[in-house]
Amino acid sequence: MTVAWPVWIVSSMANLDNAWLVGVERARMGGKCLAHVLADRQTVGQRPVTLIGHSMGARLLVYCLCELYDMGEFHVVDDVVLLGTPVTTEATKWQKAGVLIAGLGS
């Protein structure tokens, strides 16, 4: 007897170890981790920081900015430089980042 897996299971299993998806997930986790470290005033001090990222590092910074926004930490980041950022143009994500960078948060 032969067992055949449904096509959707086989195609989704192929993506489990896809290098791009692994990088995206690590950027998401790293962004959250960086946000929590930056929000800790004992670790960083009272001075705002400048963040610079390229490619997947820039994607990590976007996740970091979104997490800082969700945490209500609006005065941690002074400037951000994103180069070659592989991120979609989803409006809500960029609005969150813009509030942090422009210092418009409460």
PDB file of N, CA and C in Angstrom:
ATOM      1  N   MET A   1       0.833  -1.175   0.000  1.00  0.00           N
ATOM      2  CA  MET A   1       0.000   0.000   0.000  1.00  0.00           C
ATOM      3  C   MET A   1       0.885   1.248   0.000  1.00  0.00           C
ATOM      4  N   THR A   2       0.563   2.174  -0.851  1.00  0.00           N
ATOM      5  CA  THR A   2       1.321   3.413  -0.973  1.00  0.00           C
ATOM      6  C   THR A   2       0.502   4.568  -0.409  1.00  0.00           C
ATOM      7  N   VAL A   3       1.186   5.417   0.332  1.00  0.00           N
ATOM      8  CA  VAL A   3       0.516   6.587   0.899  1.00  0.00           C
ATOM      9  C   VAL A   3       0.995   7.820   0.144  1.00  0.00           C
ATOM     10  N   ALA A   4       0.074   8.613  -0.322  1.00  0.00           N
ATOM     11  CA  ALA A   4       0.417   9.853  -1.027  1.00  0.00           C
ATOM     12  C   ALA A   4      -0.015  11.042  -0.177  1.00  0.00           C
ATOM     13  N   TRP A   5       0.921  11.917   0.069  1.00  0.00           N
ATOM     14  CA  TRP A   5       0.617  13.129   0.834  1.00  0.00           C
ATOM     15  C   TRP A   5      -0.096  14.128  -0.072  1.00  0.00           C
ATOM     16  N   PRO A   6      -0.999  14.904   0.497  1.00  0.00           N
ATOM     17  CA  PRO A   6      -1.625  15.970  -0.301  1.00  0.00           C
ATOM     18  C   PRO A   6      -0.576  16.963  -0.794  1.00  0.00           C
ATOM     19  N   VAL A   7      -0.824  17.544  -1.946  1.00  0.00           N
ATOM     20  CA  VAL A   7       0.136  18.455  -2.574  1.00  0.00           C
ATOM     21  C   VAL A   7       0.450  19.646  -1.677  1.00  0.00           C
ATOM     22  N   TRP A   8      -0.547  20.202  -0.987  1.00  0.00           N
ATOM     23  CA  TRP A   8      -0.303  21.385  -0.160  1.00  0.00           C
ATOM     24  C   TRP A   8       0.636  21.073   1.001  1.00  0.00           C
ATOM     25  N   ILE A   9       0.609  19.841   1.513  1.00  0.00           N
ATOM     26  CA  ILE A   9       1.531  19.472   2.592  1.00  0.00           C
ATOM     27  C   ILE A   9       2.945  19.350   2.048  1.00  0.00           C
ATOM     28  N   VAL A  10       3.084  18.697   0.917  1.00  0.00           N
ATOM     29  CA  VAL A  10       4.408  18.517   0.320  1.00  0.00           C
ATOM     30  C   VAL A  10       5.025  19.865  -0.032  1.00  0.00           C
ATOM     31  N   SER A  11       4.237  20.766  -0.619  1.00  0.00           N
ATOM     32  CA  SER A  11       4.783  22.068  -1.014  1.00  0.00           C
ATOM     33  C   SER A  11       5.132  22.922   0.203  1.00  0.00           C
ATOM     34  N   SER A  12       4.359  22.828   1.276  1.00  0.00           N
ATOM     35  CA  SER A  12       4.699  23.623   2.461  1.00  0.00           C
ATOM     36  C   SER A  12       5.883  23.026   3.209  1.00  0.00           C
ATOM     37  N   MET A  13       6.076  21.714   3.145  1.00  0.00           N
ATOM     38  CA  MET A  13       7.233  21.093   3.792  1.00  0.00           C
ATOM     39  C   MET A  13       8.526  21.493   3.094  1.00  0.00           C
ATOM     40  N   ALA A  14       8.457  21.760   1.805  1.00  0.00           N
ATOM     41  CA  ALA A  14       9.653  22.168   1.069  1.00  0.00           C
ATOM     42  C   ALA A  14      10.157  23.520   1.553  1.00  0.00           C
ATOM     43  N   ASN A  15       9.275  24.342   2.103  1.00  0.00           N
ATOM     44  CA  ASN A  15       9.667  25.669   2.570  1.00  0.00           C
ATOM     45  C   ASN A  15      10.196  25.689   4.002  1.00  0.00           C
ATOM     46  N   LEU A  16      10.139  24.570   4.694  1.00  0.00           N
ATOM     47  CA  LEU A  16      10.559  24.563   6.093  1.00  0.00           C
ATOM     48  C   LEU A  16      12.018  24.943   6.278  1.00  0.00           C
ATOM     49  N   ASP A  17      12.875  24.530   5.378  1.00  0.00           N
ATOM     50  CA  ASP A  17      14.290  24.843   5.519  1.00  0.00           C
ATOM     51  C   ASP A  17      14.789  25.779   4.425  1.00  0.00           C
ATOM     52  N   ASN A  18      13.888  26.464   3.767  1.00  0.00           N
ATOM     53  CA  ASN A  18      14.259  27.440   2.757  1.00  0.00           C
ATOM     54  C   ASN A  18      15.106  28.526   3.417  1.00  0.00           C
ATOM     55  N   ALA A  19      16.261  28.810   2.865  1.00  0.00           N
ATOM     56  CA  ALA A  19      17.196  29.767   3.475  1.00  0.00           C
ATOM     57  C   ALA A  19      16.575  31.149   3.640  1.00  0.00           C
ATOM     58  N   TRP A  20      15.774  31.569   2.675  1.00  0.00           N
ATOM     59  CA  TRP A  20      15.149  32.892   2.774  1.00  0.00           C
ATOM     60  C   TRP A  20      14.183  32.949   3.953  1.00  0.00           C
ATOM     61  N   LEU A  21      13.335  31.925   4.074  1.00  0.00           N
ATOM     62  CA  LEU A  21      12.360  31.914   5.161  1.00  0.00           C
ATOM     63  C   LEU A  21      13.032  31.807   6.521  1.00  0.00           C
ATOM     64  N   VAL A  22      14.122  31.068   6.589  1.00  0.00           N
ATOM     65  CA  VAL A  22      14.881  30.994   7.839  1.00  0.00           C
ATOM     66  C   VAL A  22      15.439  32.372   8.183  1.00  0.00           C
ATOM     67  N   GLY A  23      15.966  33.075   7.196  1.00  0.00           N
ATOM     68  CA  GLY A  23      16.490  34.422   7.425  1.00  0.00           C
ATOM     69  C   GLY A  23      15.418  35.399   7.861  1.00  0.00           C
ATOM     70  N   VAL A  24      14.241  35.310   7.252  1.00  0.00           N
ATOM     71  CA  VAL A  24      13.123  36.189   7.618  1.00  0.00           C
ATOM     72  C   VAL A  24      12.706  35.939   9.063  1.00  0.00           C
ATOM     73  N   GLU A  25      12.601  34.683   9.441  1.00  0.00           N
ATOM     74  CA  GLU A  25      12.195  34.355  10.810  1.00  0.00           C
ATOM     75  C   GLU A  25      13.250  34.802  11.824  1.00  0.00           C
ATOM     76  N   ARG A  26      14.511  34.630  11.486  1.00  0.00           N
ATOM     77  CA  ARG A  26      15.576  35.082  12.399  1.00  0.00           C
ATOM     78  C   ARG A  26      15.600  36.599  12.515  1.00  0.00           C
ATOM     79  N   ALA A  27      15.318  37.297  11.427  1.00  0.00           N
ATOM     80  CA  ALA A  27      15.242  38.756  11.477  1.00  0.00           C
ATOM     81  C   ALA A  27      14.089  39.196  12.373  1.00  0.00           C
ATOM     82  N   ARG A  28      12.959  38.500  12.285  1.00  0.00           N
ATOM     83  CA  ARG A  28      11.811  38.829  13.132  1.00  0.00           C
ATOM     84  C   ARG A  28      12.145  38.621  14.607  1.00  0.00           C
ATOM     85  N   MET A  29      12.747  37.475  14.914  1.00  0.00           N
ATOM     86  CA  MET A  29      13.106  37.186  16.305  1.00  0.00           C
ATOM     87  C   MET A  29      14.188  38.139  16.799  1.00  0.00           C
ATOM     88  N   GLY A  30      15.172  38.420  15.952  1.00  0.00           N
ATOM     89  CA  GLY A  30      16.241  39.340  16.329  1.00  0.00           C
ATOM     90  C   GLY A  30      15.742  40.755  16.531  1.00  0.00           C
ATOM     91  N   GLY A  31      14.780  41.180  15.710  1.00  0.00           N
ATOM     92  CA  GLY A  31      14.198  42.510  15.858  1.00  0.00           C
ATOM     93  C   GLY A  31      13.476  42.667  17.178  1.00  0.00           C
ATOM     94  N   LYS A  32      12.728  41.648  17.567  1.00  0.00           N
ATOM     95  CA  LYS A  32      12.035  41.694  18.859  1.00  0.00           C
ATOM     96  C   LYS A  32      13.041  41.726  20.003  1.00  0.00           C
ATOM     97  N   CYS A  33      14.070  40.913  19.902  1.00  0.00           N
ATOM     98  CA  CYS A  33      15.100  40.870  20.943  1.00  0.00           C
ATOM     99  C   CYS A  33      15.810  42.218  21.056  1.00  0.00           C
ATOM    100  N   LEU A  34      16.195  42.797  19.928  1.00  0.00           N
ATOM    101  CA  LEU A  34      16.866  44.098  19.931  1.00  0.00           C
ATOM    102  C   LEU A  34      15.966  45.171  20.534  1.00  0.00           C
ATOM    103  N   ALA A  35      14.683  45.136  20.224  1.00  0.00           N
ATOM    104  CA  ALA A  35      13.748  46.124  20.772  1.00  0.00           C
ATOM    105  C   ALA A  35      13.705  46.052  22.291  1.00  0.00           C
ATOM    106  N   HIS A  36      13.687  44.852  22.828  1.00  0.00           N
ATOM    107  CA  HIS A  36      13.636  44.707  24.285  1.00  0.00           C
ATOM    108  C   HIS A  36      14.941  45.156  24.937  1.00  0.00           C
ATOM    109  N   VAL A  37      16.056  44.913  24.280  1.00  0.00           N
ATOM    110  CA  VAL A  37      17.341  45.382  24.815  1.00  0.00           C
ATOM    111  C   VAL A  37      17.398  46.904  24.780  1.00  0.00           C
ATOM    112  N   LEU A  38      16.972  47.506  23.667  1.00  0.00           N
ATOM    113  CA  LEU A  38      17.004  48.965  23.549  1.00  0.00           C
ATOM    114  C   LEU A  38      16.045  49.640  24.527  1.00  0.00           C
ATOM    115  N   ALA A  39      14.943  48.989  24.839  1.00  0.00           N
ATOM    116  CA  ALA A  39      13.959  49.563  25.762  1.00  0.00           C
ATOM    117  C   ALA A  39      14.441  49.526  27.206  1.00  0.00           C
ATOM    118  N   ASP A  40      15.430  48.687  27.497  1.00  0.00           N
ATOM    119  CA  ASP A  40      15.970  48.587  28.855  1.00  0.00           C
ATOM    120  C   ASP A  40      16.932  49.746  29.095  1.00  0.00           C
ATOM    121  N   ARG A  41      16.503  50.735  29.822  1.00  0.00           N
ATOM    122  CA  ARG A  41      17.299  51.953  30.048  1.00  0.00           C
ATOM    123  C   ARG A  41      18.575  51.679  30.834  1.00  0.00           C
ATOM    124  N   GLN A  42      18.615  50.629  31.633  1.00  0.00           N
ATOM    125  CA  GLN A  42      19.834  50.307  32.374  1.00  0.00           C
ATOM    126  C   GLN A  42      20.920  49.784  31.438  1.00  0.00           C
ATOM    127  N   THR A  43      20.518  49.138  30.368  1.00  0.00           N
ATOM    128  CA  THR A  43      21.480  48.597  29.411  1.00  0.00           C
ATOM    129  C   THR A  43      21.987  49.674  28.460  1.00  0.00           C
ATOM    130  N   VAL A  44      21.085  50.482  27.932  1.00  0.00           N
ATOM    131  CA  VAL A  44      21.421  51.448  26.892  1.00  0.00           C
ATOM    132  C   VAL A  44      21.746  52.820  27.456  1.00  0.00           C
ATOM    133  N   GLY A  45      21.134  53.161  28.558  1.00  0.00           N
ATOM    134  CA  GLY A  45      21.287  54.508  29.096  1.00  0.00           C
ATOM    135  C   GLY A  45      20.160  55.392  28.590  1.00  0.00           C
ATOM    136  N   GLN A  46      20.291  56.676  28.778  1.00  0.00           N
ATOM    137  CA  GLN A  46      19.225  57.614  28.426  1.00  0.00           C
ATOM    138  C   GLN A  46      19.369  58.198  27.022  1.00  0.00           C
ATOM    139  N   ARG A  47      20.490  57.959  26.371  1.00  0.00           N
ATOM    140  CA  ARG A  47      20.699  58.536  25.035  1.00  0.00           C
ATOM    141  C   ARG A  47      19.998  57.723  23.965  1.00  0.00           C
ATOM    142  N   PRO A  48      19.353  58.405  23.009  1.00  0.00           N
ATOM    143  CA  PRO A  48      18.762  57.669  21.885  1.00  0.00           C
ATOM    144  C   PRO A  48      19.857  57.088  20.991  1.00  0.00           C
ATOM    145  N   VAL A  49      19.530  56.033  20.290  1.00  0.00           N
ATOM    146  CA  VAL A  49      20.512  55.340  19.462  1.00  0.00           C
ATOM    147  C   VAL A  49      20.234  55.572  17.981  1.00  0.00           C
ATOM    148  N   THR A  50      21.263  55.364  17.168  1.00  0.00           N
ATOM    149  CA  THR A  50      21.146  55.389  15.716  1.00  0.00           C
ATOM    150  C   THR A  50      21.292  53.958  15.223  1.00  0.00           C
ATOM    151  N   LEU A  51      20.362  53.517  14.402  1.00  0.00           N
ATOM    152  CA  LEU A  51      20.372  52.157  13.876  1.00  0.00           C
ATOM    153  C   LEU A  51      20.671  52.192  12.385  1.00  0.00           C
ATOM    154  N   ILE A  52      21.592  51.333  11.936  1.00  0.00           N
ATOM    155  CA  ILE A  52      21.959  51.245  10.524  1.00  0.00           C
ATOM    156  C   ILE A  52      21.913  49.772  10.125  1.00  0.00           C
ATOM    157  N   GLY A  53      21.189  49.468   9.041  1.00  0.00           N
ATOM    158  CA  GLY A  53      21.089  48.085   8.610  1.00  0.00           C
ATOM    159  C   GLY A  53      21.028  47.959   7.101  1.00  0.00           C
ATOM    160  N   HIS A  54      21.577  46.866   6.606  1.00  0.00           N
ATOM    161  CA  HIS A  54      21.573  46.575   5.170  1.00  0.00           C
ATOM    162  C   HIS A  54      20.966  45.195   4.947  1.00  0.00           C
ATOM    163  N   SER A  55      20.137  45.077   3.933  1.00  0.00           N
ATOM    164  CA  SER A  55      19.526  43.823   3.525  1.00  0.00           C
ATOM    165  C   SER A  55      18.726  43.209   4.677  1.00  0.00           C
ATOM    166  N   MET A  56      19.038  41.995   5.072  1.00  0.00           N
ATOM    167  CA  MET A  56      18.264  41.338   6.122  1.00  0.00           C
ATOM    168  C   MET A  56      18.442  42.040   7.471  1.00  0.00           C
ATOM    169  N   GLY A  57      19.572  42.712   7.664  1.00  0.00           N
ATOM    170  CA  GLY A  57      19.761  43.511   8.877  1.00  0.00           C
ATOM    171  C   GLY A  57      18.806  44.693   8.918  1.00  0.00           C
ATOM    172  N   ALA A  58      18.513  45.266   7.761  1.00  0.00           N
ATOM    173  CA  ALA A  58      17.536  46.353   7.693  1.00  0.00           C
ATOM    174  C   ALA A  58      16.136  45.818   7.982  1.00  0.00           C
ATOM    175  N   ARG A  59      15.857  44.626   7.516  1.00  0.00           N
ATOM    176  CA  ARG A  59      14.561  44.005   7.822  1.00  0.00           C
ATOM    177  C   ARG A  59      14.438  43.775   9.323  1.00  0.00           C
ATOM    178  N   LEU A  60      15.512  43.338   9.956  1.00  0.00           N
ATOM    179  CA  LEU A  60      15.536  43.167  11.401  1.00  0.00           C
ATOM    180  C   LEU A  60      15.205  44.486  12.097  1.00  0.00           C
ATOM    181  N   LEU A  61      15.758  45.583  11.596  1.00  0.00           N
ATOM    182  CA  LEU A  61      15.506  46.888  12.211  1.00  0.00           C
ATOM    183  C   LEU A  61      14.050  47.314  12.058  1.00  0.00           C
ATOM    184  N   VAL A  62      13.420  46.984  10.942  1.00  0.00           N
ATOM    185  CA  VAL A  62      12.001  47.307  10.766  1.00  0.00           C
ATOM    186  C   VAL A  62      11.168  46.542  11.793  1.00  0.00           C
ATOM    187  N   TYR A  63      11.480  45.269  11.988  1.00  0.00           N
ATOM    188  CA  TYR A  63      10.790  44.493  13.026  1.00  0.00           C
ATOM    189  C   TYR A  63      11.039  45.105  14.405  1.00  0.00           C
ATOM    190  N   CYS A  64      12.257  45.554  14.639  1.00  0.00           N
ATOM    191  CA  CYS A  64      12.612  46.190  15.908  1.00  0.00           C
ATOM    192  C   CYS A  64      11.774  47.447  16.125  1.00  0.00           C
ATOM    193  N   LEU A  65      11.661  48.279  15.102  1.00  0.00           N
ATOM    194  CA  LEU A  65      10.885  49.517  15.218  1.00  0.00           C
ATOM    195  C   LEU A  65       9.408  49.221  15.485  1.00  0.00           C
ATOM    196  N   CYS A  66       8.871  48.223  14.815  1.00  0.00           N
ATOM    197  CA  CYS A  66       7.465  47.856  15.045  1.00  0.00           C
ATOM    198  C   CYS A  66       7.255  47.355  16.471  1.00  0.00           C
ATOM    199  N   GLU A  67       8.201  46.599  16.971  1.00  0.00           N
ATOM    200  CA  GLU A  67       8.101  46.095  18.347  1.00  0.00           C
ATOM    201  C   GLU A  67       8.218  47.236  19.353  1.00  0.00           C
ATOM    202  N   LEU A  68       9.134  48.161  19.117  1.00  0.00           N
ATOM    203  CA  LEU A  68       9.249  49.324  20.002  1.00  0.00           C
ATOM    204  C   LEU A  68       7.950  50.125  20.007  1.00  0.00           C
ATOM    205  N   TYR A  69       7.324  50.259  18.859  1.00  0.00           N
ATOM    206  CA  TYR A  69       6.042  50.961  18.763  1.00  0.00           C
ATOM    207  C   TYR A  69       4.985  50.242  19.600  1.00  0.00           C
ATOM    208  N   ASP A  70       4.909  48.926  19.447  1.00  0.00           N
ATOM    209  CA  ASP A  70       3.923  48.145  20.201  1.00  0.00           C
ATOM    210  C   ASP A  70       4.176  48.211  21.705  1.00  0.00           C
ATOM    211  N   MET A  71       5.450  48.374  22.096  1.00  0.00           N
ATOM    212  CA  MET A  71       5.807  48.480  23.516  1.00  0.00           C
ATOM    213  C   MET A  71       5.575  49.890  24.062  1.00  0.00           C
ATOM    214  N   GLY A  72       5.350  50.846  23.182  1.00  0.00           N
ATOM    215  CA  GLY A  72       5.167  52.229  23.621  1.00  0.00           C
ATOM    216  C   GLY A  72       6.467  52.951  23.920  1.00  0.00           C
ATOM    217  N   GLU A  73       7.567  52.448  23.395  1.00  0.00           N
ATOM    218  CA  GLU A  73       8.893  53.050  23.602  1.00  0.00           C
ATOM    219  C   GLU A  73       9.197  53.965  22.421  1.00  0.00           C
ATOM    220  N   PHE A  74       8.802  55.237  22.524  1.00  0.00           N
ATOM    221  CA  PHE A  74       8.873  56.145  21.384  1.00  0.00           C
ATOM    222  C   PHE A  74      10.139  56.995  21.325  1.00  0.00           C
ATOM    223  N   HIS A  75      10.916  57.053  22.381  1.00  0.00           N
ATOM    224  CA  HIS A  75      12.061  57.969  22.398  1.00  0.00           C
ATOM    225  C   HIS A  75      13.385  57.229  22.583  1.00  0.00           C
ATOM    226  N   VAL A  76      13.459  56.043  22.033  1.00  0.00           N
ATOM    227  CA  VAL A  76      14.675  55.231  22.141  1.00  0.00           C
ATOM    228  C   VAL A  76      15.566  55.427  20.922  1.00  0.00           C
ATOM    229  N   VAL A  77      14.969  55.547  19.741  1.00  0.00           N
ATOM    230  CA  VAL A  77      15.712  55.617  18.481  1.00  0.00           C
ATOM    231  C   VAL A  77      15.745  57.059  17.990  1.00  0.00           C
ATOM    232  N   ASP A  78      16.947  57.522  17.651  1.00  0.00           N
ATOM    233  CA  ASP A  78      17.114  58.875  17.130  1.00  0.00           C
ATOM    234  C   ASP A  78      17.061  58.877  15.602  1.00  0.00           C
ATOM    235  N   ASP A  79      17.893  58.058  14.974  1.00  0.00           N
ATOM    236  CA  ASP A  79      17.968  57.985  13.512  1.00  0.00           C
ATOM    237  C   ASP A  79      18.013  56.531  13.071  1.00  0.00           C
ATOM    238  N   VAL A  80      17.526  56.286  11.849  1.00  0.00           N
ATOM    239  CA  VAL A  80      17.574  54.949  11.263  1.00  0.00           C
ATOM    240  C   VAL A  80      18.001  55.073   9.813  1.00  0.00           C
ATOM    241  N   VAL A  81      18.948  54.233   9.405  1.00  0.00           N
ATOM    242  CA  VAL A  81      19.373  54.157   8.008  1.00  0.00           C
ATOM    243  C   VAL A  81      19.107  52.731   7.544  1.00  0.00           C
ATOM    244  N   LEU A  82      18.249  52.589   6.536  1.00  0.00           N
ATOM    245  CA  LEU A  82      17.908  51.287   5.979  1.00  0.00           C
ATOM    246  C   LEU A  82      18.382  51.243   4.532  1.00  0.00           C
ATOM    247  N   LEU A  83      19.241  50.285   4.216  1.00  0.00           N
ATOM    248  CA  LEU A  83      19.803  50.156   2.871  1.00  0.00           C
ATOM    249  C   LEU A  83      19.388  48.817   2.268  1.00  0.00           C
ATOM    250  N   GLY A  84      18.808  48.847   1.086  1.00  0.00           N
ATOM    251  CA  GLY A  84      18.425  47.606   0.406  1.00  0.00           C
ATOM    252  C   GLY A  84      17.509  46.747   1.252  1.00  0.00           C
ATOM    253  N   THR A  85      16.469  47.349   1.774  1.00  0.00           N
ATOM    254  CA  THR A  85      15.589  46.676   2.726  1.00  0.00           C
ATOM    255  C   THR A  85      14.589  45.763   2.019  1.00  0.00           C
ATOM    256  N   PRO A  86      14.635  44.453   2.277  1.00  0.00           N
ATOM    257  CA  PRO A  86      13.667  43.540   1.665  1.00  0.00           C
ATOM    258  C   PRO A  86      12.369  43.484   2.474  1.00  0.00           C
ATOM    259  N   VAL A  87      11.624  44.595   2.462  1.00  0.00           N
ATOM    260  CA  VAL A  87      10.371  44.692   3.215  1.00  0.00           C
ATOM    261  C   VAL A  87       9.299  45.231   2.280  1.00  0.00           C
ATOM    262  N   THR A  88       8.093  44.720   2.417  1.00  0.00           N
ATOM    263  CA  THR A  88       6.986  45.202   1.593  1.00  0.00           C
ATOM    264  C   THR A  88       6.618  46.632   1.982  1.00  0.00           C
ATOM    265  N   THR A  89       5.802  47.245   1.181  1.00  0.00           N
ATOM    266  CA  THR A  89       5.396  48.627   1.436  1.00  0.00           C
ATOM    267  C   THR A  89       4.081  48.690   2.207  1.00  0.00           C
ATOM    268  N   GLU A  90       3.883  47.747   3.093  1.00  0.00           N
ATOM    269  CA  GLU A  90       2.675  47.714   3.921  1.00  0.00           C
ATOM    270  C   GLU A  90       2.598  48.980   4.772  1.00  0.00           C
ATOM    271  N   ALA A  91       1.525  49.729   4.608  1.00  0.00           N
ATOM    272  CA  ALA A  91       1.403  51.061   5.215  1.00  0.00           C
ATOM    273  C   ALA A  91       1.495  51.042   6.737  1.00  0.00           C
ATOM    274  N   THR A  92       0.864  50.081   7.384  1.00  0.00           N
ATOM    275  CA  THR A  92       0.866  50.087   8.852  1.00  0.00           C
ATOM    276  C   THR A  92       2.266  49.894   9.416  1.00  0.00           C
ATOM    277  N   LYS A  93       3.051  49.051   8.774  1.00  0.00           N
ATOM    278  CA  LYS A  93       4.422  48.813   9.238  1.00  0.00           C
ATOM    279  C   LYS A  93       5.249  50.092   9.141  1.00  0.00           C
ATOM    280  N   TRP A  94       5.138  50.800   8.032  1.00  0.00           N
ATOM    281  CA  TRP A  94       5.931  52.013   7.840  1.00  0.00           C
ATOM    282  C   TRP A  94       5.413  53.170   8.689  1.00  0.00           C
ATOM    283  N   GLN A  95       4.112  53.189   8.975  1.00  0.00           N
ATOM    284  CA  GLN A  95       3.576  54.227   9.859  1.00  0.00           C
ATOM    285  C   GLN A  95       4.120  54.064  11.267  1.00  0.00           C
ATOM    286  N   LYS A  96       4.183  52.819  11.738  1.00  0.00           N
ATOM    287  CA  LYS A  96       4.754  52.566  13.065  1.00  0.00           C
ATOM    288  C   LYS A  96       6.209  53.022  13.108  1.00  0.00           C
ATOM    289  N   ALA A  97       6.972  52.639  12.095  1.00  0.00           N
ATOM    290  CA  ALA A  97       8.387  53.019  12.052  1.00  0.00           C
ATOM    291  C   ALA A  97       8.538  54.531  11.961  1.00  0.00           C
ATOM    292  N   GLY A  98       7.699  55.176  11.168  1.00  0.00           N
ATOM    293  CA  GLY A  98       7.777  56.625  10.999  1.00  0.00           C
ATOM    294  C   GLY A  98       7.506  57.391  12.274  1.00  0.00           C
ATOM    295  N   VAL A  99       6.573  56.910  13.071  1.00  0.00           N
ATOM    296  CA  VAL A  99       6.274  57.564  14.350  1.00  0.00           C
ATOM    297  C   VAL A  99       7.497  57.529  15.254  1.00  0.00           C
ATOM    298  N   LEU A 100       8.186  56.407  15.277  1.00  0.00           N
ATOM    299  CA  LEU A 100       9.370  56.282  16.130  1.00  0.00           C
ATOM    300  C   LEU A 100      10.511  57.166  15.653  1.00  0.00           C
ATOM    301  N   ILE A 101      10.732  57.181  14.359  1.00  0.00           N
ATOM    302  CA  ILE A 101      11.864  57.927  13.816  1.00  0.00           C
ATOM    303  C   ILE A 101      11.626  59.422  13.910  1.00  0.00           C
ATOM    304  N   ALA A 102      10.404  59.852  13.651  1.00  0.00           N
ATOM    305  CA  ALA A 102      10.094  61.279  13.682  1.00  0.00           C
ATOM    306  C   ALA A 102       9.889  61.799  15.099  1.00  0.00           C
ATOM    307  N   GLY A 103       9.859  60.896  16.085  1.00  0.00           N
ATOM    308  CA  GLY A 103       9.657  61.320  17.464  1.00  0.00           C
ATOM    309  C   GLY A 103       8.256  61.832  17.724  1.00  0.00           C
ATOM    310  N   LEU A 104       7.278  61.303  16.987  1.00  0.00           N
ATOM    311  CA  LEU A 104       5.905  61.773  17.119  1.00  0.00           C
ATOM    312  C   LEU A 104       5.125  61.038  18.194  1.00  0.00           C
ATOM    313  N   GLY A 105       5.740  60.020  18.795  1.00  0.00           N
ATOM    314  CA  GLY A 105       5.026  59.251  19.814  1.00  0.00           C
ATOM    315  C   GLY A 105       4.787  60.056  21.067  1.00  0.00           C
ATOM    316  N   SER A 106       3.877  59.555  21.876  1.00  0.00           N
ATOM    317  CA  SER A 106       3.540  60.277  23.104  1.00  0.00           C
ATOM    318  C   SER A 106       4.567  60.084  24.187  1.00  0.00           C
TER     319      SER A 106
END
